[in-house]
C-alpha atoms as a PDB file:
ATOM      1  CA  MET A   1      -1.113   9.012   4.513  1.00  0.00           C
ATOM      2  CA  THR A   2      -1.571   6.447   7.184  1.00  0.00           C
ATOM      3  CA  PRO A   3       1.255   5.672   9.816  1.00  0.00           C
ATOM      4  CA  GLU A   4       1.212   1.915   8.523  1.00  0.00           C
ATOM      5  CA  TYR A   5       0.835   2.818   4.679  1.00  0.00           C
ATOM      6  CA  ARG A   6       4.308   5.494   5.587  1.00  0.00           C
ATOM      7  CA  GLU A   7       5.591   2.132   7.137  1.00  0.00           C
ATOM      8  CA  LEU A   8       5.148  -0.297   3.937  1.00  0.00           C
ATOM      9  CA  ILE A   9       6.438   2.499   1.390  1.00  0.00           C
ATOM     10  CA  LYS A  10       9.538   3.094   3.780  1.00  0.00           C
ATOM     11  CA  GLY A  11       9.774  -0.756   3.659  1.00  0.00           C
ATOM     12  CA  ALA A  12       9.452  -1.617   0.431  1.00  0.00           C
ATOM     13  CA  ALA A  13      11.492   1.588  -0.744  1.00  0.00           C
ATOM     14  CA  LEU A  14      14.190   0.455   1.052  1.00  0.00           C
ATOM     15  CA  ALA A  15      14.990  -3.574  -0.313  1.00  0.00           C
ATOM     16  CA  ALA A  16      14.414  -1.901  -3.545  1.00  0.00           C
ATOM     17  CA  GLY A  17      17.449   0.285  -2.861  1.00  0.00           C
ATOM     18  CA  PHE A  18      15.146   3.484  -2.556  1.00  0.00           C
ATOM     19  CA  SER A  19      16.090   6.556  -1.263  1.00  0.00           C
ATOM     20  CA  LEU A  20      12.629   8.547  -0.884  1.00  0.00           C
ATOM     21  CA  VAL A  21      12.425  12.098  -0.012  1.00  0.00           C
ATOM     22  CA  TRP A  22       9.833  13.138   2.309  1.00  0.00           C
ATOM     23  CA  ALA A  23       7.107  16.119   2.318  1.00  0.00           C
ATOM     24  CA  ASP A  24       7.059  18.258   6.065  1.00  0.00           C
ATOM     25  CA  ASP A  25       4.115  16.598   7.100  1.00  0.00           C
ATOM     26  CA  GLY A  26       4.803  13.029   5.886  1.00  0.00           C
ATOM     27  CA  SER A  27       1.910  12.838   3.560  1.00  0.00           C
ATOM     28  CA  MET A  28       3.934  11.745   0.405  1.00  0.00           C
ATOM     29  CA  CYS A  29       7.592  11.089  -0.835  1.00  0.00           C
ATOM     30  CA  TRP A  30       9.088  11.033  -3.806  1.00  0.00           C
ATOM     31  CA  LEU A  31      12.355   8.923  -4.846  1.00  0.00           C
ATOM     32  CA  ALA A  32      15.864  10.596  -4.305  1.00  0.00           C
ATOM     33  CA  GLU A  33      16.600   9.762  -7.490  1.00  0.00           C
ATOM     34  CA  CYS A  34      14.762   8.740 -10.872  1.00  0.00           C
ATOM     35  CA  TYR A  35      14.825   4.564 -11.913  1.00  0.00           C
ATOM     36  CA  ASP A  36      17.343   6.304 -14.568  1.00  0.00           C
ATOM     37  CA  GLY A  37      19.309   7.576 -12.273  1.00  0.00           C
ATOM     38  CA  ARG A  38      18.340  11.244 -12.600  1.00  0.00           C
ATOM     39  CA  GLN A  39      16.902  13.453 -10.088  1.00  0.00           C
ATOM     40  CA  ASN A  40      12.993  13.054  -9.513  1.00  0.00           C
ATOM     41  CA  THR A  41      11.469  16.727  -8.107  1.00  0.00           C
ATOM     42  CA  ASP A  42       8.175  15.756 -10.129  1.00  0.00           C
ATOM     43  CA  ASP A  43       6.126  13.431  -9.149  1.00  0.00           C
ATOM     44  CA  PRO A  44       5.572  11.617  -5.945  1.00  0.00           C
ATOM     45  CA  TRP A  45       6.225   7.945  -5.229  1.00  0.00           C
ATOM     46  CA  ASN A  46       3.203   5.842  -3.783  1.00  0.00           C
ATOM     47  CA  PRO A  47       3.223   1.859  -4.984  1.00  0.00           C
ATOM     48  CA  LEU A  48      -0.112   1.515  -2.894  1.00  0.00           C
ATOM     49  CA  VAL A  49      -2.260   3.937  -5.368  1.00  0.00           C
ATOM     50  CA  SER A  50       0.210   3.962  -8.886  1.00  0.00           C
ATOM     51  CA  ASP A  51       0.363   1.166 -11.020  1.00  0.00           C
ATOM     52  CA  VAL A  52       3.582   2.382 -12.405  1.00  0.00           C
ATOM     53  CA  ASP A  53       5.472   2.697  -9.351  1.00  0.00           C
ATOM     54  CA  ALA A  54       3.869  -0.949  -7.883  1.00  0.00           C
ATOM     55  CA  PHE A  55       4.763  -2.694 -10.857  1.00  0.00           C
ATOM     56  CA  ARG A  56       8.544  -1.034 -11.072  1.00  0.00           C
ATOM     57  CA  LEU A  57       8.899  -2.337  -7.769  1.00  0.00           C
ATOM     58  CA  GLY A  58       8.147  -5.426  -8.584  1.00  0.00           C
ATOM     59  CA  ILE A  59      10.323  -5.664 -11.495  1.00  0.00           C
ATOM     60  CA  ARG A  60      13.076  -3.911 -10.126  1.00  0.00           C
ATOM     61  CA  LEU A  61      12.883  -6.632  -7.173  1.00  0.00           C
ATOM     62  CA  GLY A  62      12.532  -9.843  -9.278  1.00  0.00           C
ATOM     63  CA  MET A  63       8.701 -10.314  -8.189  1.00  0.00           C
ATOM     64  CA  ASP A  64       6.038 -12.872  -9.453  1.00  0.00           C
ATOM     65  CA  THR A  65       2.672 -11.765  -8.963  1.00  0.00           C
ATOM     66  CA  GLY A  66      -0.435 -13.268 -10.529  1.00  0.00           C
ATOM     67  CA  GLN A  67      -4.406 -13.600  -9.288  1.00  0.00           C
ATOM     68  CA  GLY A  68      -6.560 -16.028  -8.637  1.00  0.00           C
ATOM     69  CA  PHE A  69      -9.036 -17.310  -6.298  1.00  0.00           C
ATOM     70  CA  GLU A  70     -10.839 -14.150  -5.838  1.00  0.00           C
ATOM     71  CA  MET A  71      -7.198 -12.459  -4.699  1.00  0.00           C
ATOM     72  CA  ALA A  72      -4.251 -10.708  -5.631  1.00  0.00           C
ATOM     73  CA  PHE A  73      -0.598 -12.036  -5.082  1.00  0.00           C
ATOM     74  CA  ALA A  74       3.324 -11.513  -4.973  1.00  0.00           C
ATOM     75  CA  THR A  75       5.959 -13.752  -4.168  1.00  0.00           C
ATOM     76  CA  LEU A  76       9.902 -12.826  -4.054  1.00  0.00           C
ATOM     77  CA  THR A  77      12.932 -15.276  -3.044  1.00  0.00           C
ATOM     78  CA  VAL A  78      16.133 -13.871  -2.679  1.00  0.00           C
ATOM     79  CA  PRO A  79      19.222 -16.297  -3.233  1.00  0.00           C
ATOM     80  CA  PRO A  80      22.153 -15.784  -0.779  1.00  0.00           C
ATOM     81  CA  ALA A  81      24.407 -13.183  -1.425  1.00  0.00           C
ATOM     82  CA  ASP A  82      27.186 -15.812  -0.561  1.00  0.00           C
ATOM     83  CA  ASP A  83      25.805 -19.206  -1.777  1.00  0.00           C
ATOM     84  CA  VAL A  84      26.279 -20.467   1.284  1.00  0.00           C
ATOM     85  CA  GLY A  85      23.236 -19.205   3.191  1.00  0.00           C
ATOM     86  CA  GLU A  86      19.701 -20.178   3.086  1.00  0.00           C
ATOM     87  CA  ALA A  87      17.469 -17.912   0.115  1.00  0.00           C
ATOM     88  CA  ARG A  88      14.460 -15.369   1.839  1.00  0.00           C
ATOM     89  CA  HIS A  89      11.338 -16.023   0.645  1.00  0.00           C
ATOM     90  CA  THR A  90       8.253 -13.296   1.462  1.00  0.00           C
ATOM     91  CA  GLU A  91       4.994 -13.688  -0.314  1.00  0.00           C
ATOM     92  CA  ALA A  92       1.428 -11.753   0.204  1.00  0.00           C
ATOM     93  CA  HIS A  93      -1.928 -12.029  -0.567  1.00  0.00           C
ATOM     94  CA  GLU A  94      -4.760  -9.912  -0.596  1.00  0.00           C
ATOM     95  CA  GLN A  95      -8.722 -10.137  -1.011  1.00  0.00           C
ATOM     96  CA  TYR A  96      -9.929  -8.603  -3.864  1.00  0.00           C
ATOM     97  CA  SER A  97     -12.924  -7.963  -1.093  1.00  0.00           C
ATOM     98  CA  ASP A  98     -10.946  -6.343   1.085  1.00  0.00           C
ATOM     99  CA  HIS A  99      -9.846  -3.750  -2.177  1.00  0.00           C
ATOM    100  CA  ALA A 100     -14.289  -3.016  -2.482  1.00  0.00           C
ATOM    101  CA  GLY A 101     -13.018  -5.672  -5.680  1.00  0.00           C
ATOM    102  CA  ASP A 102     -10.566  -3.685  -7.372  1.00  0.00           C
ATOM    103  CA  ILE A 103      -8.336  -6.489  -8.058  1.00  0.00           C
ATOM    104  CA  TYR A 104      -5.472  -3.081  -9.296  1.00  0.00           C
ATOM    105  CA  ALA A 105      -5.773  -2.241  -5.623  1.00  0.00           C
ATOM    106  CA  ALA A 106      -5.191  -5.944  -4.221  1.00  0.00           C
ATOM    107  CA  SER A 107      -2.375  -6.171  -6.748  1.00  0.00           C
ATOM    108  CA  ARG A 108      -0.671  -2.947  -5.256  1.00  0.00           C
ATOM    109  CA  ARG A 109      -0.943  -3.851  -1.960  1.00  0.00           C
ATOM    110  CA  ALA A 110       0.262  -7.372  -2.500  1.00  0.00           C
ATOM    111  CA  ILE A 111       3.352  -5.817  -4.508  1.00  0.00           C
ATOM    112  CA  VAL A 112       4.297  -3.837  -1.586  1.00  0.00           C
ATOM    113  CA  ARG A 113       3.206  -5.820   1.367  1.00  0.00           C
ATOM    114  CA  THR A 114       5.947  -8.324   0.079  1.00  0.00           C
ATOM    115  CA  ALA A 115       8.661  -6.021  -0.569  1.00  0.00           C
ATOM    116  CA  ALA A 116       8.068  -4.301   2.785  1.00  0.00           C
ATOM    117  CA  ALA A 117       8.419  -7.595   4.062  1.00  0.00           C
ATOM    118  CA  MET A 118      11.596  -8.726   2.547  1.00  0.00           C
ATOM    119  CA  ASP A 119      13.477  -5.660   3.669  1.00  0.00           C
ATOM    120  CA  THR A 120      12.803  -6.844   6.865  1.00  0.00           C
ATOM    121  CA  ALA A 121      13.244 -10.627   6.496  1.00  0.00           C
ATOM    122  CA  PRO A 122      16.496 -12.528   8.180  1.00  0.00           C
END
């Protein structure tokens, strides 16, 4: 796993409130708890390669996703917690051609980039 992928996955997990457990060599990670609260030790968590992980990440955050003009996109707007501040908004677009025409890979990356950007949004 490249450092860029690792940072995207870490940021996306933080935005969704997930704790990760990393392999000693940093090559893969697992959710500290499953979505239903049980301990998760079996399947690595990687929303950049798993449709299921990416879909659940997007749903957990309330993300809008779609396709159009030869690209995938994901957007997320979070209202202010105190109803006084400003809403936070982030989005990502991924061209199919950047993923060898794989619309699913483009969609997963758009979802992960959007979530990771939300972790760093003011």
